[in-house]
Amino acid sequence: MKNRTICKSAVAGVLALGLMTGGASAFANEKEKMEMMDQSGMEKCYGIAKAGMNDCKSGLHGCKGLAKGNGEKGSFLLVPQGTCNKIVGGSTEKG
């Protein structure tokens, strides 16, 4: 019985560590993505993200994928430079 409890605790610890490491990695990837945005010819296009499909953080929330509604004016998607103004409802300025 005692060995079983120890084993469960060990498994829970390993899973928790994996989740923490994955979260840090995702944050680093988002930060790198935003830093490379200007260099790669991408721009933020506000008001076109589907609920839960936005890129990176905005003033409304702190993480990618947290847009609660379709077309939130403060949530954006990264699109190739010059594309946003061709999309109905899209804006390069935060609304």
PDB file of N, CA and C in Angstrom:
ATOM      1  N   MET A   1       0.820  -1.195   0.000  1.00  0.00           N
ATOM      2  CA  MET A   1       0.000   0.000   0.000  1.00  0.00           C
ATOM      3  C   MET A   1       0.860   1.253   0.000  1.00  0.00           C
ATOM      4  N   LYS A   2       1.896   1.251   0.824  1.00  0.00           N
ATOM      5  CA  LYS A   2       2.764   2.421   0.911  1.00  0.00           C
ATOM      6  C   LYS A   2       3.495   2.654  -0.418  1.00  0.00           C
ATOM      7  N   ASN A   3       3.940   1.570  -1.059  1.00  0.00           N
ATOM      8  CA  ASN A   3       4.625   1.691  -2.349  1.00  0.00           C
ATOM      9  C   ASN A   3       3.693   2.272  -3.411  1.00  0.00           C
ATOM     10  N   ARG A   4       2.439   1.886  -3.336  1.00  0.00           N
ATOM     11  CA  ARG A   4       1.460   2.389  -4.308  1.00  0.00           C
ATOM     12  C   ARG A   4       1.278   3.903  -4.144  1.00  0.00           C
ATOM     13  N   THR A   5       1.221   4.396  -2.925  1.00  0.00           N
ATOM     14  CA  THR A   5       1.084   5.827  -2.650  1.00  0.00           C
ATOM     15  C   THR A   5       2.303   6.585  -3.147  1.00  0.00           C
ATOM     16  N   ILE A   6       3.485   6.023  -2.906  1.00  0.00           N
ATOM     17  CA  ILE A   6       4.734   6.654  -3.369  1.00  0.00           C
ATOM     18  C   ILE A   6       4.747   6.724  -4.891  1.00  0.00           C
ATOM     19  N   CYS A   7       4.326   5.653  -5.536  1.00  0.00           N
ATOM     20  CA  CYS A   7       4.304   5.608  -7.003  1.00  0.00           C
ATOM     21  C   CYS A   7       3.334   6.653  -7.564  1.00  0.00           C
ATOM     22  N   LYS A   8       2.148   6.775  -6.951  1.00  0.00           N
ATOM     23  CA  LYS A   8       1.176   7.776  -7.400  1.00  0.00           C
ATOM     24  C   LYS A   8       1.733   9.190  -7.249  1.00  0.00           C
ATOM     25  N   SER A   9       2.413   9.429  -6.135  1.00  0.00           N
ATOM     26  CA  SER A   9       3.004  10.753  -5.901  1.00  0.00           C
ATOM     27  C   SER A   9       4.081  11.061  -6.929  1.00  0.00           C
ATOM     28  N   ALA A  10       4.886  10.060  -7.254  1.00  0.00           N
ATOM     29  CA  ALA A  10       5.956  10.253  -8.236  1.00  0.00           C
ATOM     30  C   ALA A  10       5.375  10.569  -9.612  1.00  0.00           C
ATOM     31  N   VAL A  11       4.350   9.832  -9.998  1.00  0.00           N
ATOM     32  CA  VAL A  11       3.709  10.065 -11.299  1.00  0.00           C
ATOM     33  C   VAL A  11       3.092  11.462 -11.341  1.00  0.00           C
ATOM     34  N   ALA A  12       2.423  11.860 -10.269  1.00  0.00           N
ATOM     35  CA  ALA A  12       1.818  13.194 -10.220  1.00  0.00           C
ATOM     36  C   ALA A  12       2.883  14.280 -10.329  1.00  0.00           C
ATOM     37  N   GLY A  13       4.020  14.079  -9.679  1.00  0.00           N
ATOM     38  CA  GLY A  13       5.116  15.050  -9.753  1.00  0.00           C
ATOM     39  C   GLY A  13       5.678  15.179 -11.153  1.00  0.00           C
ATOM     40  N   VAL A  14       5.866  14.049 -11.812  1.00  0.00           N
ATOM     41  CA  VAL A  14       6.394  14.065 -13.182  1.00  0.00           C
ATOM     42  C   VAL A  14       5.415  14.770 -14.121  1.00  0.00           C
ATOM     43  N   LEU A  15       4.129  14.490 -13.973  1.00  0.00           N
ATOM     44  CA  LEU A  15       3.125  15.152 -14.816  1.00  0.00           C
ATOM     45  C   LEU A  15       3.094  16.655 -14.572  1.00  0.00           C
ATOM     46  N   ALA A  16       3.162  17.059 -13.321  1.00  0.00           N
ATOM     47  CA  ALA A  16       3.155  18.491 -12.999  1.00  0.00           C
ATOM     48  C   ALA A  16       4.374  19.185 -13.582  1.00  0.00           C
ATOM     49  N   LEU A  17       5.530  18.553 -13.483  1.00  0.00           N
ATOM     50  CA  LEU A  17       6.754  19.132 -14.039  1.00  0.00           C
ATOM     51  C   LEU A  17       6.637  19.281 -15.552  1.00  0.00           C
ATOM     52  N   GLY A  18       6.078  18.274 -16.199  1.00  0.00           N
ATOM     53  CA  GLY A  18       5.892  18.338 -17.646  1.00  0.00           C
ATOM     54  C   GLY A  18       4.970  19.467 -18.058  1.00  0.00           C
ATOM     55  N   LEU A  19       3.901  19.671 -17.308  1.00  0.00           N
ATOM     56  CA  LEU A  19       2.969  20.758 -17.615  1.00  0.00           C
ATOM     57  C   LEU A  19       3.622  22.119 -17.423  1.00  0.00           C
ATOM     58  N   MET A  20       4.408  22.270 -16.367  1.00  0.00           N
ATOM     59  CA  MET A  20       5.076  23.552 -16.120  1.00  0.00           C
ATOM     60  C   MET A  20       6.100  23.848 -17.204  1.00  0.00           C
ATOM     61  N   THR A  21       6.847  22.847 -17.615  1.00  0.00           N
ATOM     62  CA  THR A  21       7.860  23.037 -18.650  1.00  0.00           C
ATOM     63  C   THR A  21       7.207  23.364 -19.983  1.00  0.00           C
ATOM     64  N   GLY A  22       6.121  22.681 -20.306  1.00  0.00           N
ATOM     65  CA  GLY A  22       5.407  22.943 -21.554  1.00  0.00           C
ATOM     66  C   GLY A  22       4.853  24.349 -21.607  1.00  0.00           C
ATOM     67  N   GLY A  23       4.342  24.850 -20.497  1.00  0.00           N
ATOM     68  CA  GLY A  23       3.810  26.210 -20.439  1.00  0.00           C
ATOM     69  C   GLY A  23       4.887  27.241 -20.665  1.00  0.00           C
ATOM     70  N   ALA A  24       6.055  27.039 -20.064  1.00  0.00           N
ATOM     71  CA  ALA A  24       7.171  27.969 -20.248  1.00  0.00           C
ATOM     72  C   ALA A  24       7.641  27.950 -21.691  1.00  0.00           C
ATOM     73  N   SER A  25       7.653  26.770 -22.282  1.00  0.00           N
ATOM     74  CA  SER A  25       8.077  26.636 -23.673  1.00  0.00           C
ATOM     75  C   SER A  25       7.106  27.353 -24.605  1.00  0.00           C
ATOM     76  N   ALA A  26       5.813  27.209 -24.355  1.00  0.00           N
ATOM     77  CA  ALA A  26       4.811  27.881 -25.188  1.00  0.00           C
ATOM     78  C   ALA A  26       4.948  29.388 -25.077  1.00  0.00           C
ATOM     79  N   PHE A  27       5.204  29.897 -23.865  1.00  0.00           N
ATOM     80  CA  PHE A  27       5.385  31.333 -23.673  1.00  0.00           C
ATOM     81  C   PHE A  27       6.605  31.819 -24.445  1.00  0.00           C
ATOM     82  N   ALA A  28       7.704  31.060 -24.390  1.00  0.00           N
ATOM     83  CA  ALA A  28       8.918  31.445 -25.112  1.00  0.00           C
ATOM     84  C   ALA A  28       8.653  31.474 -26.611  1.00  0.00           C
ATOM     85  N   ASN A  29       7.908  30.496 -27.120  1.00  0.00           N
ATOM     86  CA  ASN A  29       7.597  30.460 -28.549  1.00  0.00           C
ATOM     87  C   ASN A  29       6.759  31.662 -28.962  1.00  0.00           C
ATOM     88  N   GLU A  30       5.791  32.055 -28.146  1.00  0.00           N
ATOM     89  CA  GLU A  30       4.964  33.223 -28.449  1.00  0.00           C
ATOM     90  C   GLU A  30       5.803  34.495 -28.451  1.00  0.00           C
ATOM     91  N   LYS A  31       6.698  34.620 -27.487  1.00  0.00           N
ATOM     92  CA  LYS A  31       7.551  35.803 -27.404  1.00  0.00           C
ATOM     93  C   LYS A  31       8.448  35.884 -28.638  1.00  0.00           C
ATOM     94  N   GLU A  32       9.042  34.762 -29.024  1.00  0.00           N
ATOM     95  CA  GLU A  32       9.885  34.731 -30.224  1.00  0.00           C
ATOM     96  C   GLU A  32       9.065  35.082 -31.463  1.00  0.00           C
ATOM     97  N   LYS A  33       7.854  34.573 -31.532  1.00  0.00           N
ATOM     98  CA  LYS A  33       6.979  34.840 -32.675  1.00  0.00           C
ATOM     99  C   LYS A  33       6.719  36.338 -32.814  1.00  0.00           C
ATOM    100  N   MET A  34       6.438  36.999 -31.696  1.00  0.00           N
ATOM    101  CA  MET A  34       6.162  38.427 -31.727  1.00  0.00           C
ATOM    102  C   MET A  34       7.411  39.239 -32.072  1.00  0.00           C
ATOM    103  N   GLU A  35       8.579  38.812 -31.582  1.00  0.00           N
ATOM    104  CA  GLU A  35       9.814  39.530 -31.877  1.00  0.00           C
ATOM    105  C   GLU A  35      10.186  39.411 -33.349  1.00  0.00           C
ATOM    106  N   MET A  36       9.869  38.278 -33.956  1.00  0.00           N
ATOM    107  CA  MET A  36      10.223  38.061 -35.358  1.00  0.00           C
ATOM    108  C   MET A  36       9.181  38.627 -36.314  1.00  0.00           C
ATOM    109  N   MET A  37       8.034  39.059 -35.787  1.00  0.00           N
ATOM    110  CA  MET A  37       6.928  39.520 -36.618  1.00  0.00           C
ATOM    111  C   MET A  37       7.350  40.620 -37.588  1.00  0.00           C
ATOM    112  N   ASP A  38       8.032  41.652 -37.100  1.00  0.00           N
ATOM    113  CA  ASP A  38       8.437  42.757 -37.960  1.00  0.00           C
ATOM    114  C   ASP A  38       9.436  42.305 -39.010  1.00  0.00           C
ATOM    115  N   GLN A  39      10.320  41.405 -38.642  1.00  0.00           N
ATOM    116  CA  GLN A  39      11.368  40.951 -39.551  1.00  0.00           C
ATOM    117  C   GLN A  39      10.828  40.032 -40.638  1.00  0.00           C
ATOM    118  N   SER A  40       9.723  39.357 -40.365  1.00  0.00           N
ATOM    119  CA  SER A  40       9.231  38.363 -41.314  1.00  0.00           C
ATOM    120  C   SER A  40       8.111  38.880 -42.212  1.00  0.00           C
ATOM    121  N   GLY A  41       7.821  40.180 -42.158  1.00  0.00           N
ATOM    122  CA  GLY A  41       6.791  40.742 -43.031  1.00  0.00           C
ATOM    123  C   GLY A  41       5.375  40.421 -42.592  1.00  0.00           C
ATOM    124  N   MET A  42       5.167  40.245 -41.293  1.00  0.00           N
ATOM    125  CA  MET A  42       3.835  39.963 -40.768  1.00  0.00           C
ATOM    126  C   MET A  42       3.303  41.195 -40.047  1.00  0.00           C
ATOM    127  N   GLU A  43       1.985  41.291 -39.938  1.00  0.00           N
ATOM    128  CA  GLU A  43       1.365  42.386 -39.203  1.00  0.00           C
ATOM    129  C   GLU A  43       0.209  41.848 -38.367  1.00  0.00           C
ATOM    130  N   LYS A  44      -0.147  42.599 -37.330  1.00  0.00           N
ATOM    131  CA  LYS A  44      -1.296  42.247 -36.499  1.00  0.00           C
ATOM    132  C   LYS A  44      -2.555  42.720 -37.211  1.00  0.00           C
ATOM    133  N   CYS A  45      -3.533  41.833 -37.318  1.00  0.00           N
ATOM    134  CA  CYS A  45      -4.816  42.182 -37.920  1.00  0.00           C
ATOM    135  C   CYS A  45      -5.898  41.978 -36.861  1.00  0.00           C
ATOM    136  N   TYR A  46      -6.424  43.096 -36.358  1.00  0.00           N
ATOM    137  CA  TYR A  46      -7.417  43.085 -35.288  1.00  0.00           C
ATOM    138  C   TYR A  46      -8.824  42.895 -35.830  1.00  0.00           C
ATOM    139  N   GLY A  47      -9.660  42.245 -35.043  1.00  0.00           N
ATOM    140  CA  GLY A  47     -11.079  42.136 -35.357  1.00  0.00           C
ATOM    141  C   GLY A  47     -11.477  40.991 -36.259  1.00  0.00           C
ATOM    142  N   ILE A  48     -10.565  40.081 -36.570  1.00  0.00           N
ATOM    143  CA  ILE A  48     -10.906  38.986 -37.479  1.00  0.00           C
ATOM    144  C   ILE A  48     -10.760  37.608 -36.850  1.00  0.00           C
ATOM    145  N   ALA A  49     -10.255  37.541 -35.620  1.00  0.00           N
ATOM    146  CA  ALA A  49     -10.001  36.241 -34.989  1.00  0.00           C
ATOM    147  C   ALA A  49     -11.302  35.562 -34.577  1.00  0.00           C
ATOM    148  N   LYS A  50     -11.387  34.287 -34.850  1.00  0.00           N
ATOM    149  CA  LYS A  50     -12.494  33.470 -34.392  1.00  0.00           C
ATOM    150  C   LYS A  50     -12.303  33.217 -32.897  1.00  0.00           C
ATOM    151  N   ALA A  51     -13.367  33.038 -32.148  1.00  0.00           N
ATOM    152  CA  ALA A  51     -13.278  32.791 -30.704  1.00  0.00           C
ATOM    153  C   ALA A  51     -12.292  31.660 -30.418  1.00  0.00           C
ATOM    154  N   GLY A  52     -11.341  31.928 -29.535  1.00  0.00           N
ATOM    155  CA  GLY A  52     -10.354  30.933 -29.138  1.00  0.00           C
ATOM    156  C   GLY A  52      -9.231  30.705 -30.129  1.00  0.00           C
ATOM    157  N   MET A  53      -9.152  31.493 -31.197  1.00  0.00           N
ATOM    158  CA  MET A  53      -8.154  31.265 -32.239  1.00  0.00           C
ATOM    159  C   MET A  53      -7.218  32.453 -32.445  1.00  0.00           C
ATOM    160  N   ASN A  54      -7.188  33.408 -31.518  1.00  0.00           N
ATOM    161  CA  ASN A  54      -6.338  34.592 -31.668  1.00  0.00           C
ATOM    162  C   ASN A  54      -4.864  34.258 -31.456  1.00  0.00           C
ATOM    163  N   ASP A  55      -3.978  35.105 -31.958  1.00  0.00           N
ATOM    164  CA  ASP A  55      -2.538  34.967 -31.761  1.00  0.00           C
ATOM    165  C   ASP A  55      -2.106  35.854 -30.602  1.00  0.00           C
ATOM    166  N   CYS A  56      -1.320  35.318 -29.734  1.00  0.00           N
ATOM    167  CA  CYS A  56      -0.668  36.022 -28.628  1.00  0.00           C
ATOM    168  C   CYS A  56      -1.631  36.825 -27.762  1.00  0.00           C
ATOM    169  N   LYS A  57      -1.063  37.639 -26.879  1.00  0.00           N
ATOM    170  CA  LYS A  57      -1.896  38.360 -25.912  1.00  0.00           C
ATOM    171  C   LYS A  57      -2.378  39.696 -26.460  1.00  0.00           C
ATOM    172  N   SER A  58      -3.389  40.220 -25.809  1.00  0.00           N
ATOM    173  CA  SER A  58      -3.907  41.543 -26.158  1.00  0.00           C
ATOM    174  C   SER A  58      -4.331  42.226 -24.867  1.00  0.00           C
ATOM    175  N   GLY A  59      -4.909  43.395 -24.961  1.00  0.00           N
ATOM    176  CA  GLY A  59      -5.370  44.095 -23.773  1.00  0.00           C
ATOM    177  C   GLY A  59      -6.550  43.409 -23.102  1.00  0.00           C
ATOM    178  N   LEU A  60      -7.236  42.537 -23.832  1.00  0.00           N
ATOM    179  CA  LEU A  60      -8.412  41.862 -23.289  1.00  0.00           C
ATOM    180  C   LEU A  60      -8.065  40.620 -22.485  1.00  0.00           C
ATOM    181  N   HIS A  61      -6.932  39.996 -22.811  1.00  0.00           N
ATOM    182  CA  HIS A  61      -6.520  38.758 -22.158  1.00  0.00           C
ATOM    183  C   HIS A  61      -5.020  38.590 -22.317  1.00  0.00           C
ATOM    184  N   GLY A  62      -4.456  37.617 -21.652  1.00  0.00           N
ATOM    185  CA  GLY A  62      -3.006  37.482 -21.612  1.00  0.00           C
ATOM    186  C   GLY A  62      -2.412  36.382 -22.459  1.00  0.00           C
ATOM    187  N   CYS A  63      -3.217  35.588 -23.146  1.00  0.00           N
ATOM    188  CA  CYS A  63      -2.630  34.453 -23.852  1.00  0.00           C
ATOM    189  C   CYS A  63      -3.293  34.174 -25.193  1.00  0.00           C
ATOM    190  N   LYS A  64      -2.534  33.484 -26.021  1.00  0.00           N
ATOM    191  CA  LYS A  64      -3.030  33.017 -27.305  1.00  0.00           C
ATOM    192  C   LYS A  64      -4.232  32.110 -27.077  1.00  0.00           C
ATOM    193  N   GLY A  65      -5.227  32.245 -27.906  1.00  0.00           N
ATOM    194  CA  GLY A  65      -6.378  31.357 -27.855  1.00  0.00           C
ATOM    195  C   GLY A  65      -7.418  31.689 -26.808  1.00  0.00           C
ATOM    196  N   LEU A  66      -7.362  32.868 -26.205  1.00  0.00           N
ATOM    197  CA  LEU A  66      -8.320  33.211 -25.156  1.00  0.00           C
ATOM    198  C   LEU A  66      -9.409  34.184 -25.595  1.00  0.00           C
ATOM    199  N   ALA A  67      -9.486  34.496 -26.871  1.00  0.00           N
ATOM    200  CA  ALA A  67     -10.563  35.367 -27.346  1.00  0.00           C
ATOM    201  C   ALA A  67     -11.895  34.673 -27.070  1.00  0.00           C
ATOM    202  N   LYS A  68     -12.801  35.372 -26.408  1.00  0.00           N
ATOM    203  CA  LYS A  68     -14.074  34.769 -26.011  1.00  0.00           C
ATOM    204  C   LYS A  68     -15.139  34.835 -27.102  1.00  0.00           C
ATOM    205  N   GLY A  69     -14.996  35.771 -28.029  1.00  0.00           N
ATOM    206  CA  GLY A  69     -15.999  35.912 -29.071  1.00  0.00           C
ATOM    207  C   GLY A  69     -15.371  36.107 -30.442  1.00  0.00           C
ATOM    208  N   ASN A  70     -16.121  35.835 -31.472  1.00  0.00           N
ATOM    209  CA  ASN A  70     -15.653  36.060 -32.836  1.00  0.00           C
ATOM    210  C   ASN A  70     -15.502  37.552 -33.097  1.00  0.00           C
ATOM    211  N   GLY A  71     -14.435  37.948 -33.760  1.00  0.00           N
ATOM    212  CA  GLY A  71     -14.258  39.326 -34.196  1.00  0.00           C
ATOM    213  C   GLY A  71     -13.994  40.340 -33.102  1.00  0.00           C
ATOM    214  N   GLU A  72     -13.459  39.919 -31.954  1.00  0.00           N
ATOM    215  CA  GLU A  72     -13.140  40.885 -30.894  1.00  0.00           C
ATOM    216  C   GLU A  72     -12.182  41.936 -31.440  1.00  0.00           C
ATOM    217  N   LYS A  73     -12.508  43.199 -31.246  1.00  0.00           N
ATOM    218  CA  LYS A  73     -11.708  44.296 -31.800  1.00  0.00           C
ATOM    219  C   LYS A  73     -10.321  44.392 -31.170  1.00  0.00           C
ATOM    220  N   GLY A  74     -10.114  43.826 -29.981  1.00  0.00           N
ATOM    221  CA  GLY A  74      -8.813  43.884 -29.325  1.00  0.00           C
ATOM    222  C   GLY A  74      -7.966  42.641 -29.530  1.00  0.00           C
ATOM    223  N   SER A  75      -8.492  41.625 -30.212  1.00  0.00           N
ATOM    224  CA  SER A  75      -7.752  40.389 -30.473  1.00  0.00           C
ATOM    225  C   SER A  75      -7.271  40.393 -31.915  1.00  0.00           C
ATOM    226  N   PHE A  76      -6.122  39.772 -32.142  1.00  0.00           N
ATOM    227  CA  PHE A  76      -5.565  39.810 -33.493  1.00  0.00           C
ATOM    228  C   PHE A  76      -5.065  38.456 -33.968  1.00  0.00           C
ATOM    229  N   LEU A  77      -4.867  38.381 -35.272  1.00  0.00           N
ATOM    230  CA  LEU A  77      -4.171  37.286 -35.938  1.00  0.00           C
ATOM    231  C   LEU A  77      -2.992  37.898 -36.671  1.00  0.00           C
ATOM    232  N   LEU A  78      -1.909  37.157 -36.772  1.00  0.00           N
ATOM    233  CA  LEU A  78      -0.783  37.610 -37.585  1.00  0.00           C
ATOM    234  C   LEU A  78      -1.052  37.213 -39.032  1.00  0.00           C
ATOM    235  N   VAL A  79      -0.948  38.176 -39.918  1.00  0.00           N
ATOM    236  CA  VAL A  79      -1.174  37.941 -41.345  1.00  0.00           C
ATOM    237  C   VAL A  79      -0.031  38.582 -42.124  1.00  0.00           C
ATOM    238  N   PRO A  80       0.206  38.152 -43.363  1.00  0.00           N
ATOM    239  CA  PRO A  80       1.257  38.790 -44.162  1.00  0.00           C
ATOM    240  C   PRO A  80       0.998  40.291 -44.328  1.00  0.00           C
ATOM    241  N   GLN A  81       2.060  41.065 -44.313  1.00  0.00           N
ATOM    242  CA  GLN A  81       1.994  42.528 -44.442  1.00  0.00           C
ATOM    243  C   GLN A  81       1.121  42.912 -45.636  1.00  0.00           C
ATOM    244  N   GLY A  82       0.181  43.835 -45.417  1.00  0.00           N
ATOM    245  CA  GLY A  82      -0.681  44.323 -46.487  1.00  0.00           C
ATOM    246  C   GLY A  82      -1.961  43.522 -46.682  1.00  0.00           C
ATOM    247  N   THR A  83      -2.107  42.411 -45.986  1.00  0.00           N
ATOM    248  CA  THR A  83      -3.284  41.559 -46.150  1.00  0.00           C
ATOM    249  C   THR A  83      -4.467  42.038 -45.327  1.00  0.00           C
ATOM    250  N   CYS A  84      -4.216  42.553 -44.143  1.00  0.00           N
ATOM    251  CA  CYS A  84      -5.292  42.899 -43.207  1.00  0.00           C
ATOM    252  C   CYS A  84      -6.300  43.873 -43.810  1.00  0.00           C
ATOM    253  N   ASN A  85      -5.833  44.872 -44.506  1.00  0.00           N
ATOM    254  CA  ASN A  85      -6.735  45.880 -45.074  1.00  0.00           C
ATOM    255  C   ASN A  85      -7.610  45.331 -46.192  1.00  0.00           C
ATOM    256  N   LYS A  86      -7.343  44.101 -46.634  1.00  0.00           N
ATOM    257  CA  LYS A  86      -8.156  43.462 -47.666  1.00  0.00           C
ATOM    258  C   LYS A  86      -9.252  42.585 -47.069  1.00  0.00           C
ATOM    259  N   ILE A  87      -9.248  42.434 -45.730  1.00  0.00           N
ATOM    260  CA  ILE A  87     -10.200  41.554 -45.055  1.00  0.00           C
ATOM    261  C   ILE A  87     -11.325  42.387 -44.443  1.00  0.00           C
ATOM    262  N   VAL A  88     -12.567  42.005 -44.724  1.00  0.00           N
ATOM    263  CA  VAL A  88     -13.717  42.715 -44.163  1.00  0.00           C
ATOM    264  C   VAL A  88     -13.655  42.621 -42.640  1.00  0.00           C
ATOM    265  N   GLY A  89     -13.707  43.766 -41.983  1.00  0.00           N
ATOM    266  CA  GLY A  89     -13.657  43.806 -40.525  1.00  0.00           C
ATOM    267  C   GLY A  89     -12.257  43.853 -39.952  1.00  0.00           C
ATOM    268  N   GLY A  90     -11.243  43.690 -40.808  1.00  0.00           N
ATOM    269  CA  GLY A  90      -9.860  43.698 -40.345  1.00  0.00           C
ATOM    270  C   GLY A  90      -9.312  45.105 -40.208  1.00  0.00           C
ATOM    271  N   SER A  91      -8.465  45.311 -39.195  1.00  0.00           N
ATOM    272  CA  SER A  91      -7.845  46.611 -38.975  1.00  0.00           C
ATOM    273  C   SER A  91      -6.451  46.404 -38.404  1.00  0.00           C
ATOM    274  N   THR A  92      -5.505  47.213 -38.840  1.00  0.00           N
ATOM    275  CA  THR A  92      -4.152  47.138 -38.295  1.00  0.00           C
ATOM    276  C   THR A  92      -4.036  47.941 -37.006  1.00  0.00           C
ATOM    277  N   GLU A  93      -5.108  48.627 -36.628  1.00  0.00           N
ATOM    278  CA  GLU A  93      -5.124  49.393 -35.380  1.00  0.00           C
ATOM    279  C   GLU A  93      -6.064  48.725 -34.388  1.00  0.00           C
ATOM    280  N   LYS A  94      -5.614  48.636 -33.153  1.00  0.00           N
ATOM    281  CA  LYS A  94      -6.406  48.015 -32.093  1.00  0.00           C
ATOM    282  C   LYS A  94      -7.698  48.799 -31.891  1.00  0.00           C
ATOM    283  N   GLY A  95      -8.831  48.099 -31.942  1.00  0.00           N
ATOM    284  CA  GLY A  95     -10.121  48.764 -31.828  1.00  0.00           C
ATOM    285  C   GLY A  95     -10.661  48.706 -30.521  1.00  0.00           C
TER     286      GLY A  95
END
